[in-house]
């Protein structure tokens, strides 16, 4: 309930990190607030930016805890007719240019525990590599990157990064989404709830399936899961603050609204005798009511049906 009410909740992974999670806020991992999500895994980053790197470097390694990518081996490098670099990195090779388990998870490069990216290089083949070969290494967020050239002994020596590569690394960072925690609430509209809407509850269910009736939670649009009944899921950040309560059943209680034209409600066997104008409801409960402005990004339910 605290998560759904957008309160900060502390979590701890067994033998792992401590987290502070708040809906629509950056997660805090071991006391460090995350800033951005990765643009994709190392392989995805290569697929996105390979052509922009081409001609400015001879090899690119994108370090990632999930899949670390190596450009010259990757299909994207093959399409660009890149020469093999002879660099072999640590980890378990999956498909061409993709490596798993190059390091342990951590707060270092690409979500790994490494701070020295050159440490993942296992071997450099002297029959393939050459002095002066250019190597770019970057993380999947662009926060960490180095540019090296191989010396006469084929050892990577860090040097100034050329401007075109700086531009692409900055673009990686630009393409990363902000790191935010999403809290989704999922629940079912049970039989007694539906009976409070219509004399024949299954008609309400069918009207939701047929998109005659729109379902919102606290004004936020809900995703309706397939299958029987009315099972809904909603992003709590689009709901009013402190929307959730509880009862001793035990159960979490959430607001839910069914919006439909009056004539459709009559066809469903709705309780027309209990229909009350909104103004009357507000007047009756004004002493206890809490006014919350509607969010601009939450559409009025009937507008989704093309009606005013």
C-alpha atoms as a PDB file:
ATOM      1  CA  UNK A   1       0.000   0.000   0.000  1.00  0.00           C
ATOM      2  CA  UNK A   2       2.873   2.343   0.737  1.00  0.00           C
ATOM      3  CA  UNK A   3       4.311   1.699  -2.737  1.00  0.00           C
ATOM      4  CA  UNK A   4       0.927   2.372  -4.330  1.00  0.00           C
ATOM      5  CA  UNK A   5       0.581   5.587  -2.319  1.00  0.00           C
ATOM      6  CA  UNK A   6       3.890   6.793  -3.805  1.00  0.00           C
ATOM      7  CA  UNK A   7       5.753   6.520  -0.513  1.00  0.00           C
ATOM      8  CA  UNK A   8       9.409   5.540  -0.298  1.00  0.00           C
ATOM      9  CA  UNK A   9       9.866   1.854   0.542  1.00  0.00           C
ATOM     10  CA  UNK A  10      13.140   0.210   1.519  1.00  0.00           C
ATOM     11  CA  UNK A  11      13.882  -3.187   0.000  1.00  0.00           C
ATOM     12  CA  UNK A  12      16.819  -5.530   0.366  1.00  0.00           C
ATOM     13  CA  UNK A  13      17.870  -8.272  -2.027  1.00  0.00           C
ATOM     14  CA  UNK A  14      19.182 -11.399  -0.300  1.00  0.00           C
ATOM     15  CA  UNK A  15      22.986 -11.239  -0.487  1.00  0.00           C
ATOM     16  CA  UNK A  16      22.603  -8.167  -2.690  1.00  0.00           C
ATOM     17  CA  UNK A  17      21.844  -4.487  -2.811  1.00  0.00           C
ATOM     18  CA  UNK A  18      19.648  -2.323  -0.622  1.00  0.00           C
ATOM     19  CA  UNK A  19      17.073  -0.310  -2.550  1.00  0.00           C
ATOM     20  CA  UNK A  20      14.796   2.620  -1.894  1.00  0.00           C
ATOM     21  CA  UNK A  21      11.890   2.595  -4.325  1.00  0.00           C
ATOM     22  CA  UNK A  22       9.363   5.393  -4.843  1.00  0.00           C
ATOM     23  CA  UNK A  23       6.863   5.472  -7.690  1.00  0.00           C
ATOM     24  CA  UNK A  24       8.039   7.693 -10.557  1.00  0.00           C
ATOM     25  CA  UNK A  25      11.271   8.586  -8.746  1.00  0.00           C
ATOM     26  CA  UNK A  26      14.827   7.388  -9.413  1.00  0.00           C
ATOM     27  CA  UNK A  27      15.638   4.230  -7.452  1.00  0.00           C
ATOM     28  CA  UNK A  28      18.372   4.516  -4.845  1.00  0.00           C
ATOM     29  CA  UNK A  29      20.747   1.546  -4.926  1.00  0.00           C
ATOM     30  CA  UNK A  30      23.093   1.194  -1.942  1.00  0.00           C
ATOM     31  CA  UNK A  31      22.707   4.889  -1.230  1.00  0.00           C
ATOM     32  CA  UNK A  32      23.383   6.016  -4.809  1.00  0.00           C
ATOM     33  CA  UNK A  33      20.548   7.576  -6.813  1.00  0.00           C
ATOM     34  CA  UNK A  34      20.399   6.129 -10.305  1.00  0.00           C
ATOM     35  CA  UNK A  35      20.387   8.738 -13.055  1.00  0.00           C
ATOM     36  CA  UNK A  36      19.610   6.964 -16.307  1.00  0.00           C
ATOM     37  CA  UNK A  37      18.677   3.633 -17.814  1.00  0.00           C
ATOM     38  CA  UNK A  38      20.950   2.101 -20.412  1.00  0.00           C
ATOM     39  CA  UNK A  39      20.163   2.713 -24.062  1.00  0.00           C
ATOM     40  CA  UNK A  40      20.110  -1.083 -24.480  1.00  0.00           C
ATOM     41  CA  UNK A  41      22.445  -4.007 -23.894  1.00  0.00           C
ATOM     42  CA  UNK A  42      25.932  -3.877 -25.396  1.00  0.00           C
ATOM     43  CA  UNK A  43      24.751  -5.665 -28.511  1.00  0.00           C
ATOM     44  CA  UNK A  44      21.819  -3.292 -28.961  1.00  0.00           C
ATOM     45  CA  UNK A  45      24.094  -0.269 -28.546  1.00  0.00           C
ATOM     46  CA  UNK A  46      26.321  -1.592 -31.322  1.00  0.00           C
ATOM     47  CA  UNK A  47      23.331  -2.134 -33.561  1.00  0.00           C
ATOM     48  CA  UNK A  48      22.237   1.452 -32.968  1.00  0.00           C
ATOM     49  CA  UNK A  49      25.550   3.278 -33.298  1.00  0.00           C
ATOM     50  CA  UNK A  50      27.794   1.039 -35.447  1.00  0.00           C
ATOM     51  CA  UNK A  51      27.539   3.178 -38.566  1.00  0.00           C
ATOM     52  CA  UNK A  52      28.334   6.332 -36.592  1.00  0.00           C
ATOM     53  CA  UNK A  53      31.523   4.738 -35.202  1.00  0.00           C
ATOM     54  CA  UNK A  54      32.612   3.355 -38.562  1.00  0.00           C
ATOM     55  CA  UNK A  55      35.736   4.993 -39.938  1.00  0.00           C
ATOM     56  CA  UNK A  56      36.680   6.618 -36.635  1.00  0.00           C
ATOM     57  CA  UNK A  57      37.813   3.500 -34.768  1.00  0.00           C
ATOM     58  CA  UNK A  58      38.857  -0.075 -35.534  1.00  0.00           C
ATOM     59  CA  UNK A  59      37.066  -1.743 -32.649  1.00  0.00           C
ATOM     60  CA  UNK A  60      34.351  -0.890 -30.153  1.00  0.00           C
ATOM     61  CA  UNK A  61      33.569  -2.824 -26.988  1.00  0.00           C
ATOM     62  CA  UNK A  62      30.352  -1.868 -25.208  1.00  0.00           C
ATOM     63  CA  UNK A  63      30.558  -3.108 -21.622  1.00  0.00           C
ATOM     64  CA  UNK A  64      27.321  -4.373 -20.103  1.00  0.00           C
ATOM     65  CA  UNK A  65      26.357  -6.687 -17.254  1.00  0.00           C
ATOM     66  CA  UNK A  66      23.890  -8.487 -19.497  1.00  0.00           C
ATOM     67  CA  UNK A  67      25.433  -8.679 -22.983  1.00  0.00           C
ATOM     68  CA  UNK A  68      28.774  -7.050 -23.790  1.00  0.00           C
ATOM     69  CA  UNK A  69      29.150  -6.287 -27.483  1.00  0.00           C
ATOM     70  CA  UNK A  70      32.240  -6.394 -29.718  1.00  0.00           C
ATOM     71  CA  UNK A  71      31.733  -4.439 -32.937  1.00  0.00           C
ATOM     72  CA  UNK A  72      34.068  -6.213 -35.383  1.00  0.00           C
ATOM     73  CA  UNK A  73      32.566  -9.620 -34.514  1.00  0.00           C
ATOM     74  CA  UNK A  74      28.985  -8.347 -34.431  1.00  0.00           C
ATOM     75  CA  UNK A  75      26.711  -8.634 -37.454  1.00  0.00           C
ATOM     76  CA  UNK A  76      26.667  -4.826 -37.608  1.00  0.00           C
ATOM     77  CA  UNK A  77      30.447  -4.861 -38.031  1.00  0.00           C
ATOM     78  CA  UNK A  78      30.223  -7.553 -40.701  1.00  0.00           C
ATOM     79  CA  UNK A  79      27.776  -5.431 -42.691  1.00  0.00           C
ATOM     80  CA  UNK A  80      30.293  -2.574 -42.524  1.00  0.00           C
ATOM     81  CA  UNK A  81      33.120  -4.896 -43.711  1.00  0.00           C
ATOM     82  CA  UNK A  82      35.169  -4.254 -40.573  1.00  0.00           C
ATOM     83  CA  UNK A  83      38.442  -6.141 -40.193  1.00  0.00           C
ATOM     84  CA  UNK A  84      38.802  -8.539 -37.236  1.00  0.00           C
ATOM     85  CA  UNK A  85      40.672  -6.825 -34.411  1.00  0.00           C
ATOM     86  CA  UNK A  86      42.106  -9.913 -32.717  1.00  0.00           C
ATOM     87  CA  UNK A  87      40.805  -8.738 -29.331  1.00  0.00           C
ATOM     88  CA  UNK A  88      39.214 -11.518 -27.293  1.00  0.00           C
ATOM     89  CA  UNK A  89      37.323 -10.506 -24.164  1.00  0.00           C
ATOM     90  CA  UNK A  90      36.491 -12.509 -21.085  1.00  0.00           C
ATOM     91  CA  UNK A  91      33.072 -14.089 -20.643  1.00  0.00           C
ATOM     92  CA  UNK A  92      30.890 -16.679 -22.280  1.00  0.00           C
ATOM     93  CA  UNK A  93      30.351 -16.121 -25.976  1.00  0.00           C
ATOM     94  CA  UNK A  94      26.752 -16.293 -27.107  1.00  0.00           C
ATOM     95  CA  UNK A  95      26.423 -15.423 -30.768  1.00  0.00           C
ATOM     96  CA  UNK A  96      28.850 -13.406 -32.892  1.00  0.00           C
ATOM     97  CA  UNK A  97      29.937 -10.288 -31.027  1.00  0.00           C
ATOM     98  CA  UNK A  98      27.868 -10.983 -27.902  1.00  0.00           C
ATOM     99  CA  UNK A  99      29.341 -12.055 -24.563  1.00  0.00           C
ATOM    100  CA  UNK A 100      27.701 -12.927 -21.251  1.00  0.00           C
ATOM    101  CA  UNK A 101      29.282 -12.827 -17.782  1.00  0.00           C
ATOM    102  CA  UNK A 102      32.258 -10.618 -18.566  1.00  0.00           C
ATOM    103  CA  UNK A 103      32.182  -9.536 -14.902  1.00  0.00           C
ATOM    104  CA  UNK A 104      30.024  -9.654 -11.794  1.00  0.00           C
ATOM    105  CA  UNK A 105      27.115  -7.220 -11.314  1.00  0.00           C
ATOM    106  CA  UNK A 106      28.009  -3.994  -9.554  1.00  0.00           C
ATOM    107  CA  UNK A 107      28.124  -0.219  -9.642  1.00  0.00           C
ATOM    108  CA  UNK A 108      30.933  -0.036 -12.193  1.00  0.00           C
ATOM    109  CA  UNK A 109      30.993   0.077 -15.985  1.00  0.00           C
ATOM    110  CA  UNK A 110      27.715  -1.021 -17.580  1.00  0.00           C
ATOM    111  CA  UNK A 111      26.287  -2.356 -14.320  1.00  0.00           C
ATOM    112  CA  UNK A 112      29.315  -4.586 -13.717  1.00  0.00           C
ATOM    113  CA  UNK A 113      31.785  -4.520 -10.841  1.00  0.00           C
ATOM    114  CA  UNK A 114      34.728  -3.394 -12.978  1.00  0.00           C
ATOM    115  CA  UNK A 115      36.339   0.029 -12.839  1.00  0.00           C
ATOM    116  CA  UNK A 116      39.128  -0.782 -15.315  1.00  0.00           C
ATOM    117  CA  UNK A 117      37.485  -1.766 -18.605  1.00  0.00           C
ATOM    118  CA  UNK A 118      40.758  -3.072 -20.048  1.00  0.00           C
ATOM    119  CA  UNK A 119      40.633  -5.843 -17.448  1.00  0.00           C
ATOM    120  CA  UNK A 120      37.994  -7.682 -19.499  1.00  0.00           C
ATOM    121  CA  UNK A 121      40.400  -8.087 -22.421  1.00  0.00           C
ATOM    122  CA  UNK A 122      41.641 -11.659 -22.237  1.00  0.00           C
ATOM    123  CA  UNK A 123      43.983 -11.814 -25.235  1.00  0.00           C
ATOM    124  CA  UNK A 124      45.077  -9.777 -28.238  1.00  0.00           C
ATOM    125  CA  UNK A 125      46.100 -11.942 -31.204  1.00  0.00           C
ATOM    126  CA  UNK A 126      49.435 -10.653 -32.606  1.00  0.00           C
ATOM    127  CA  UNK A 127      48.659 -12.260 -35.958  1.00  0.00           C
ATOM    128  CA  UNK A 128      45.503 -10.168 -36.341  1.00  0.00           C
ATOM    129  CA  UNK A 129      45.942  -6.939 -34.347  1.00  0.00           C
ATOM    130  CA  UNK A 130      48.386  -4.234 -35.406  1.00  0.00           C
ATOM    131  CA  UNK A 131      50.220  -1.307 -33.797  1.00  0.00           C
ATOM    132  CA  UNK A 132      48.157   1.863 -33.918  1.00  0.00           C
ATOM    133  CA  UNK A 133      44.865  -0.012 -33.923  1.00  0.00           C
ATOM    134  CA  UNK A 134      42.150   2.186 -32.428  1.00  0.00           C
ATOM    135  CA  UNK A 135      39.889   0.893 -29.654  1.00  0.00           C
ATOM    136  CA  UNK A 136      36.849   2.571 -28.115  1.00  0.00           C
ATOM    137  CA  UNK A 137      35.339   1.169 -24.924  1.00  0.00           C
ATOM    138  CA  UNK A 138      32.114   2.586 -23.545  1.00  0.00           C
ATOM    139  CA  UNK A 139      29.355   1.682 -21.131  1.00  0.00           C
ATOM    140  CA  UNK A 140      25.731   1.309 -22.216  1.00  0.00           C
ATOM    141  CA  UNK A 141      24.849   4.694 -20.699  1.00  0.00           C
ATOM    142  CA  UNK A 142      27.831   6.613 -22.064  1.00  0.00           C
ATOM    143  CA  UNK A 143      28.782   7.618 -18.520  1.00  0.00           C
ATOM    144  CA  UNK A 144      32.100   5.789 -18.821  1.00  0.00           C
ATOM    145  CA  UNK A 145      34.298   5.617 -21.915  1.00  0.00           C
ATOM    146  CA  UNK A 146      37.952   5.471 -22.959  1.00  0.00           C
ATOM    147  CA  UNK A 147      39.801   5.560 -26.274  1.00  0.00           C
ATOM    148  CA  UNK A 148      43.023   3.605 -26.755  1.00  0.00           C
ATOM    149  CA  UNK A 149      45.589   2.851 -29.440  1.00  0.00           C
ATOM    150  CA  UNK A 150      47.730  -0.281 -29.459  1.00  0.00           C
ATOM    151  CA  UNK A 151      51.459   0.381 -28.997  1.00  0.00           C
ATOM    152  CA  UNK A 152      54.283  -1.572 -30.664  1.00  0.00           C
ATOM    153  CA  UNK A 153      53.777  -4.347 -28.113  1.00  0.00           C
ATOM    154  CA  UNK A 154      50.037  -4.406 -28.902  1.00  0.00           C
ATOM    155  CA  UNK A 155      49.137  -3.045 -25.483  1.00  0.00           C
ATOM    156  CA  UNK A 156      46.171  -0.638 -25.296  1.00  0.00           C
ATOM    157  CA  UNK A 157      47.356   2.856 -24.333  1.00  0.00           C
ATOM    158  CA  UNK A 158      44.692   5.389 -23.421  1.00  0.00           C
ATOM    159  CA  UNK A 159      44.819   8.588 -25.455  1.00  0.00           C
ATOM    160  CA  UNK A 160      42.602  11.546 -26.314  1.00  0.00           C
ATOM    161  CA  UNK A 161      39.306  10.563 -27.867  1.00  0.00           C
ATOM    162  CA  UNK A 162      38.616  12.006 -31.326  1.00  0.00           C
ATOM    163  CA  UNK A 163      35.758  14.511 -31.534  1.00  0.00           C
ATOM    164  CA  UNK A 164      33.498  12.289 -33.723  1.00  0.00           C
ATOM    165  CA  UNK A 165      33.651   9.517 -31.114  1.00  0.00           C
ATOM    166  CA  UNK A 166      32.986  11.951 -28.269  1.00  0.00           C
ATOM    167  CA  UNK A 167      29.868  13.032 -30.150  1.00  0.00           C
ATOM    168  CA  UNK A 168      28.600   9.460 -30.458  1.00  0.00           C
ATOM    169  CA  UNK A 169      29.328   8.633 -26.804  1.00  0.00           C
ATOM    170  CA  UNK A 170      27.404  11.765 -25.823  1.00  0.00           C
ATOM    171  CA  UNK A 171      24.580  10.585 -28.076  1.00  0.00           C
ATOM    172  CA  UNK A 172      24.446   7.273 -26.195  1.00  0.00           C
ATOM    173  CA  UNK A 173      23.912   9.229 -22.997  1.00  0.00           C
ATOM    174  CA  UNK A 174      21.323  11.439 -24.691  1.00  0.00           C
ATOM    175  CA  UNK A 175      19.337   8.379 -25.779  1.00  0.00           C
ATOM    176  CA  UNK A 176      19.127   6.913 -22.280  1.00  0.00           C
ATOM    177  CA  UNK A 177      15.776   7.322 -20.571  1.00  0.00           C
ATOM    178  CA  UNK A 178      15.717   8.777 -17.028  1.00  0.00           C
ATOM    179  CA  UNK A 179      15.973   6.090 -14.393  1.00  0.00           C
ATOM    180  CA  UNK A 180      12.564   5.900 -12.724  1.00  0.00           C
ATOM    181  CA  UNK A 181      10.817   3.261 -10.639  1.00  0.00           C
ATOM    182  CA  UNK A 182       7.383   2.249 -11.947  1.00  0.00           C
ATOM    183  CA  UNK A 183       4.788   0.862  -9.556  1.00  0.00           C
ATOM    184  CA  UNK A 184       1.929  -1.003 -11.226  1.00  0.00           C
ATOM    185  CA  UNK A 185      -1.166  -1.959  -9.257  1.00  0.00           C
ATOM    186  CA  UNK A 186      -3.067  -4.999 -10.515  1.00  0.00           C
ATOM    187  CA  UNK A 187      -6.374  -6.234  -9.123  1.00  0.00           C
ATOM    188  CA  UNK A 188      -9.711  -7.722 -10.045  1.00  0.00           C
ATOM    189  CA  UNK A 189     -13.154  -6.123  -9.917  1.00  0.00           C
ATOM    190  CA  UNK A 190     -15.011  -8.846  -8.030  1.00  0.00           C
ATOM    191  CA  UNK A 191     -18.601 -10.011  -8.188  1.00  0.00           C
ATOM    192  CA  UNK A 192     -19.921  -7.922  -5.301  1.00  0.00           C
ATOM    193  CA  UNK A 193     -18.303  -4.814  -6.774  1.00  0.00           C
ATOM    194  CA  UNK A 194     -19.898  -5.457 -10.164  1.00  0.00           C
ATOM    195  CA  UNK A 195     -23.281  -6.151  -8.544  1.00  0.00           C
ATOM    196  CA  UNK A 196     -23.078  -2.650  -7.108  1.00  0.00           C
ATOM    197  CA  UNK A 197     -23.010  -1.332 -10.661  1.00  0.00           C
ATOM    198  CA  UNK A 198     -25.658  -3.473 -12.386  1.00  0.00           C
ATOM    199  CA  UNK A 199     -28.266  -6.090 -11.543  1.00  0.00           C
ATOM    200  CA  UNK A 200     -26.580  -8.601 -13.856  1.00  0.00           C
ATOM    201  CA  UNK A 201     -22.805  -8.347 -13.196  1.00  0.00           C
ATOM    202  CA  UNK A 202     -21.733 -10.248 -16.312  1.00  0.00           C
ATOM    203  CA  UNK A 203     -23.229  -7.522 -18.493  1.00  0.00           C
ATOM    204  CA  UNK A 204     -20.816  -5.009 -17.012  1.00  0.00           C
ATOM    205  CA  UNK A 205     -17.929  -7.389 -17.731  1.00  0.00           C
ATOM    206  CA  UNK A 206     -19.042  -7.796 -21.326  1.00  0.00           C
ATOM    207  CA  UNK A 207     -19.484  -4.056 -21.792  1.00  0.00           C
ATOM    208  CA  UNK A 208     -15.908  -3.515 -20.624  1.00  0.00           C
ATOM    209  CA  UNK A 209     -14.699  -6.170 -23.068  1.00  0.00           C
ATOM    210  CA  UNK A 210     -16.677  -4.506 -25.857  1.00  0.00           C
ATOM    211  CA  UNK A 211     -15.200  -1.107 -24.911  1.00  0.00           C
ATOM    212  CA  UNK A 212     -18.654   0.295 -24.244  1.00  0.00           C
ATOM    213  CA  UNK A 213     -17.575   0.951 -20.660  1.00  0.00           C
ATOM    214  CA  UNK A 214     -14.277   2.588 -19.788  1.00  0.00           C
ATOM    215  CA  UNK A 215     -12.443   1.637 -16.607  1.00  0.00           C
ATOM    216  CA  UNK A 216     -10.268   4.104 -14.721  1.00  0.00           C
ATOM    217  CA  UNK A 217      -8.665   4.066 -11.285  1.00  0.00           C
ATOM    218  CA  UNK A 218      -8.584   7.468  -9.670  1.00  0.00           C
ATOM    219  CA  UNK A 219      -9.022   8.914 -13.153  1.00  0.00           C
ATOM    220  CA  UNK A 220      -6.018   7.047 -14.549  1.00  0.00           C
ATOM    221  CA  UNK A 221      -6.632   4.840 -17.595  1.00  0.00           C
ATOM    222  CA  UNK A 222      -6.404   1.130 -16.800  1.00  0.00           C
ATOM    223  CA  UNK A 223      -5.120  -1.777 -18.854  1.00  0.00           C
ATOM    224  CA  UNK A 224      -7.670  -4.589 -18.964  1.00  0.00           C
ATOM    225  CA  UNK A 225      -6.096  -8.021 -18.830  1.00  0.00           C
ATOM    226  CA  UNK A 226      -7.407 -10.763 -21.116  1.00  0.00           C
ATOM    227  CA  UNK A 227      -9.378 -13.599 -19.636  1.00  0.00           C
ATOM    228  CA  UNK A 228     -12.523 -13.687 -17.543  1.00  0.00           C
ATOM    229  CA  UNK A 229     -13.757 -11.009 -15.198  1.00  0.00           C
ATOM    230  CA  UNK A 230     -12.416  -7.467 -15.029  1.00  0.00           C
ATOM    231  CA  UNK A 231      -8.741  -7.574 -14.098  1.00  0.00           C
ATOM    232  CA  UNK A 232      -7.094  -4.179 -14.278  1.00  0.00           C
ATOM    233  CA  UNK A 233      -3.569  -2.782 -14.092  1.00  0.00           C
ATOM    234  CA  UNK A 234      -2.651   0.864 -13.619  1.00  0.00           C
ATOM    235  CA  UNK A 235       0.431   3.045 -13.242  1.00  0.00           C
ATOM    236  CA  UNK A 236      -0.041   4.486  -9.751  1.00  0.00           C
ATOM    237  CA  UNK A 237       1.968   7.609 -10.613  1.00  0.00           C
ATOM    238  CA  UNK A 238      -0.999   8.746 -12.757  1.00  0.00           C
ATOM    239  CA  UNK A 239      -3.395   8.425  -9.813  1.00  0.00           C
ATOM    240  CA  UNK A 240      -3.981  11.026  -7.074  1.00  0.00           C
ATOM    241  CA  UNK A 241      -1.687  10.892  -4.059  1.00  0.00           C
ATOM    242  CA  UNK A 242      -2.796   8.629  -1.217  1.00  0.00           C
ATOM    243  CA  UNK A 243      -5.397   6.878  -3.407  1.00  0.00           C
ATOM    244  CA  UNK A 244      -5.119   3.543  -1.603  1.00  0.00           C
ATOM    245  CA  UNK A 245      -6.424   2.288   1.719  1.00  0.00           C
ATOM    246  CA  UNK A 246      -7.089  -1.088   3.270  1.00  0.00           C
ATOM    247  CA  UNK A 247      -9.669  -3.151   5.116  1.00  0.00           C
ATOM    248  CA  UNK A 248      -9.086  -5.899   7.696  1.00  0.00           C
ATOM    249  CA  UNK A 249     -10.040  -8.700   5.263  1.00  0.00           C
ATOM    250  CA  UNK A 250      -7.033  -8.127   4.596  1.00  0.00           C
ATOM    251  CA  UNK A 251      -7.187  -6.294   1.295  1.00  0.00           C
ATOM    252  CA  UNK A 252      -5.870  -3.149  -0.323  1.00  0.00           C
ATOM    253  CA  UNK A 253      -8.671  -0.872  -1.486  1.00  0.00           C
ATOM    254  CA  UNK A 254      -8.337   1.218  -4.639  1.00  0.00           C
ATOM    255  CA  UNK A 255     -10.714   3.649  -6.345  1.00  0.00           C
ATOM    256  CA  UNK A 256     -12.303   2.381  -9.545  1.00  0.00           C
ATOM    257  CA  UNK A 257     -14.638   4.117 -11.965  1.00  0.00           C
ATOM    258  CA  UNK A 258     -16.804   2.772 -14.771  1.00  0.00           C
ATOM    259  CA  UNK A 259     -17.711   5.441 -17.324  1.00  0.00           C
ATOM    260  CA  UNK A 260     -20.398   4.925 -19.949  1.00  0.00           C
ATOM    261  CA  UNK A 261     -23.337   6.780 -21.501  1.00  0.00           C
ATOM    262  CA  UNK A 262     -26.548   6.784 -19.463  1.00  0.00           C
ATOM    263  CA  UNK A 263     -28.493   4.943 -22.170  1.00  0.00           C
ATOM    264  CA  UNK A 264     -25.881   2.191 -22.210  1.00  0.00           C
ATOM    265  CA  UNK A 265     -26.078   1.960 -18.424  1.00  0.00           C
ATOM    266  CA  UNK A 266     -29.813   1.432 -18.686  1.00  0.00           C
ATOM    267  CA  UNK A 267     -29.311  -1.357 -21.236  1.00  0.00           C
ATOM    268  CA  UNK A 268     -26.957  -3.138 -18.827  1.00  0.00           C
ATOM    269  CA  UNK A 269     -29.612  -3.190 -16.124  1.00  0.00           C
ATOM    270  CA  UNK A 270     -27.893  -0.489 -14.112  1.00  0.00           C
ATOM    271  CA  UNK A 271     -29.317   0.852 -10.856  1.00  0.00           C
ATOM    272  CA  UNK A 272     -30.934   3.912 -12.436  1.00  0.00           C
ATOM    273  CA  UNK A 273     -32.801   4.689  -9.227  1.00  0.00           C
ATOM    274  CA  UNK A 274     -29.487   5.330  -7.505  1.00  0.00           C
ATOM    275  CA  UNK A 275     -28.064   7.647 -10.161  1.00  0.00           C
ATOM    276  CA  UNK A 276     -26.999  10.920  -8.538  1.00  0.00           C
ATOM    277  CA  UNK A 277     -25.670  14.050 -10.253  1.00  0.00           C
ATOM    278  CA  UNK A 278     -22.025  14.713  -9.538  1.00  0.00           C
ATOM    279  CA  UNK A 279     -22.794  18.141  -8.073  1.00  0.00           C
ATOM    280  CA  UNK A 280     -25.057  16.496  -5.492  1.00  0.00           C
ATOM    281  CA  UNK A 281     -22.339  14.026  -4.500  1.00  0.00           C
ATOM    282  CA  UNK A 282     -19.803  16.817  -4.061  1.00  0.00           C
ATOM    283  CA  UNK A 283     -22.259  18.843  -1.995  1.00  0.00           C
ATOM    284  CA  UNK A 284     -23.108  15.914   0.269  1.00  0.00           C
ATOM    285  CA  UNK A 285     -19.508  15.001   1.022  1.00  0.00           C
ATOM    286  CA  UNK A 286     -17.864  18.422   0.739  1.00  0.00           C
ATOM    287  CA  UNK A 287     -16.832  18.458   4.399  1.00  0.00           C
ATOM    288  CA  UNK A 288     -14.889  15.204   4.010  1.00  0.00           C
ATOM    289  CA  UNK A 289     -13.956  15.408   0.342  1.00  0.00           C
ATOM    290  CA  UNK A 290     -10.410  16.081  -0.826  1.00  0.00           C
ATOM    291  CA  UNK A 291     -10.166  18.047  -4.049  1.00  0.00           C
ATOM    292  CA  UNK A 292      -7.519  16.894  -6.508  1.00  0.00           C
ATOM    293  CA  UNK A 293      -7.000  18.452  -9.910  1.00  0.00           C
ATOM    294  CA  UNK A 294      -7.204  16.135 -12.895  1.00  0.00           C
ATOM    295  CA  UNK A 295      -3.950  15.304 -14.645  1.00  0.00           C
ATOM    296  CA  UNK A 296      -3.661  16.697 -18.146  1.00  0.00           C
ATOM    297  CA  UNK A 297      -2.264  13.408 -19.457  1.00  0.00           C
ATOM    298  CA  UNK A 298      -5.261  11.425 -18.191  1.00  0.00           C
ATOM    299  CA  UNK A 299      -7.957  11.641 -20.879  1.00  0.00           C
ATOM    300  CA  UNK A 300     -11.577  12.024 -19.901  1.00  0.00           C
ATOM    301  CA  UNK A 301     -12.871   8.446 -20.281  1.00  0.00           C
ATOM    302  CA  UNK A 302     -15.645   9.100 -22.787  1.00  0.00           C
ATOM    303  CA  UNK A 303     -13.258  11.096 -24.970  1.00  0.00           C
ATOM    304  CA  UNK A 304     -11.494   7.805 -25.648  1.00  0.00           C
ATOM    305  CA  UNK A 305     -14.696   6.716 -27.381  1.00  0.00           C
ATOM    306  CA  UNK A 306     -14.795   9.857 -29.512  1.00  0.00           C
ATOM    307  CA  UNK A 307     -17.517  11.448 -27.396  1.00  0.00           C
ATOM    308  CA  UNK A 308     -17.559  14.701 -25.449  1.00  0.00           C
END
